[in-house]
Amino acid sequence: MIRRYAPVAAAMNDFYWDVFGTSRTTPYPSGKIEHAMSTLR
């Protein structure tokens, strides 16, 4: 399960770091999330 959802978790983790560490106007990475979700088996 961890291996399956790791790409999604990594994309969300990067997003959260940017939102809370860099800029609150960081755009949501919908393209990255959709791509990561499409690779799930």
N, C-alpha and C. Protein backbone atom coordinates (compact mmCIF):
# COMPACT_ATOMS: atom_id res chain seq x y z
N MET A 1 0.82 -1.17 0.00
CA MET A 1 0.00 0.00 0.00
C MET A 1 0.88 1.25 0.00
N ILE A 2 1.95 1.22 0.74
CA ILE A 2 2.83 2.39 0.80
C ILE A 2 3.43 2.66 -0.57
N ARG A 3 3.90 1.63 -1.23
CA ARG A 3 4.50 1.81 -2.55
C ARG A 3 3.47 2.32 -3.56
N ARG A 4 2.23 1.89 -3.43
CA ARG A 4 1.19 2.29 -4.36
C ARG A 4 0.89 3.79 -4.27
N TYR A 5 0.77 4.31 -3.07
CA TYR A 5 0.37 5.70 -2.89
C TYR A 5 1.53 6.67 -2.67
N ALA A 6 2.76 6.19 -2.74
CA ALA A 6 3.92 7.04 -2.52
C ALA A 6 3.99 8.23 -3.49
N PRO A 7 3.73 8.07 -4.79
CA PRO A 7 3.79 9.23 -5.69
C PRO A 7 2.77 10.31 -5.33
N VAL A 8 1.58 9.91 -4.93
CA VAL A 8 0.55 10.87 -4.54
C VAL A 8 0.97 11.58 -3.25
N ALA A 9 1.46 10.80 -2.30
CA ALA A 9 1.90 11.39 -1.03
C ALA A 9 3.07 12.35 -1.24
N ALA A 10 3.98 12.02 -2.13
CA ALA A 10 5.13 12.90 -2.40
C ALA A 10 4.67 14.22 -3.02
N ALA A 11 3.74 14.15 -3.95
CA ALA A 11 3.23 15.37 -4.58
C ALA A 11 2.51 16.25 -3.56
N MET A 12 1.71 15.64 -2.71
CA MET A 12 1.00 16.42 -1.69
C MET A 12 1.97 16.98 -0.65
N ASN A 13 2.98 16.21 -0.30
CA ASN A 13 3.98 16.69 0.65
C ASN A 13 4.71 17.91 0.11
N ASP A 14 5.11 17.87 -1.15
CA ASP A 14 5.76 19.02 -1.78
C ASP A 14 4.84 20.24 -1.76
N PHE A 15 3.57 20.01 -2.05
CA PHE A 15 2.60 21.10 -2.06
C PHE A 15 2.47 21.73 -0.67
N TYR A 16 2.33 20.89 0.35
CA TYR A 16 2.19 21.41 1.71
C TYR A 16 3.43 22.19 2.15
N TRP A 17 4.61 21.69 1.81
CA TRP A 17 5.84 22.41 2.16
C TRP A 17 5.86 23.78 1.49
N ASP A 18 5.43 23.84 0.23
CA ASP A 18 5.40 25.13 -0.47
C ASP A 18 4.36 26.07 0.13
N VAL A 19 3.18 25.56 0.46
CA VAL A 19 2.12 26.40 1.00
C VAL A 19 2.51 26.98 2.36
N PHE A 20 3.01 26.14 3.23
CA PHE A 20 3.29 26.59 4.58
C PHE A 20 4.71 27.13 4.77
N GLY A 21 5.59 26.91 3.79
CA GLY A 21 6.95 27.37 3.93
C GLY A 21 7.36 28.47 2.98
N THR A 22 6.72 28.52 1.82
CA THR A 22 7.14 29.47 0.80
C THR A 22 6.08 30.54 0.59
N SER A 23 4.93 30.13 0.05
CA SER A 23 3.90 31.10 -0.27
C SER A 23 2.52 30.46 -0.15
N ARG A 24 1.63 31.17 0.49
CA ARG A 24 0.26 30.65 0.64
C ARG A 24 -0.52 30.73 -0.66
N THR A 25 0.05 31.35 -1.68
CA THR A 25 -0.62 31.43 -2.98
C THR A 25 -0.12 30.36 -3.94
N THR A 26 0.57 29.36 -3.41
CA THR A 26 1.07 28.26 -4.23
C THR A 26 -0.12 27.55 -4.87
N PRO A 27 -0.09 27.36 -6.19
CA PRO A 27 -1.22 26.69 -6.84
C PRO A 27 -1.28 25.19 -6.49
N TYR A 28 -2.49 24.68 -6.41
CA TYR A 28 -2.69 23.26 -6.14
C TYR A 28 -2.17 22.45 -7.32
N PRO A 29 -1.39 21.40 -7.06
CA PRO A 29 -0.78 20.63 -8.14
C PRO A 29 -1.71 19.57 -8.73
N SER A 30 -2.83 20.01 -9.26
CA SER A 30 -3.82 19.04 -9.75
C SER A 30 -3.27 18.16 -10.86
N GLY A 31 -2.43 18.70 -11.72
CA GLY A 31 -1.85 17.89 -12.79
C GLY A 31 -0.96 16.79 -12.25
N LYS A 32 -0.13 17.11 -11.27
CA LYS A 32 0.74 16.11 -10.66
C LYS A 32 -0.08 15.04 -9.94
N ILE A 33 -1.11 15.48 -9.24
CA ILE A 33 -1.94 14.53 -8.49
C ILE A 33 -2.69 13.61 -9.46
N GLU A 34 -3.27 14.18 -10.51
CA GLU A 34 -3.97 13.35 -11.49
C GLU A 34 -3.04 12.35 -12.15
N HIS A 35 -1.85 12.80 -12.48
CA HIS A 35 -0.89 11.90 -13.10
C HIS A 35 -0.52 10.77 -12.14
N ALA A 36 -0.25 11.11 -10.88
CA ALA A 36 0.11 10.10 -9.88
C ALA A 36 -1.04 9.13 -9.66
N MET A 37 -2.26 9.64 -9.65
CA MET A 37 -3.43 8.77 -9.45
C MET A 37 -3.65 7.85 -10.65
N SER A 38 -3.31 8.32 -11.85
CA SER A 38 -3.53 7.50 -13.04
C SER A 38 -2.54 6.35 -13.11
N THR A 39 -1.44 6.43 -12.38
CA THR A 39 -0.46 5.35 -12.41
C THR A 39 -0.72 4.30 -11.34
N LEU A 40 -1.75 4.48 -10.52
CA LEU A 40 -2.07 3.49 -9.49
C LEU A 40 -2.54 2.20 -10.13
N ARG A 41 -2.18 1.11 -9.52
CA ARG A 41 -2.62 -0.19 -10.05
C ARG A 41 -3.71 -0.76 -9.23
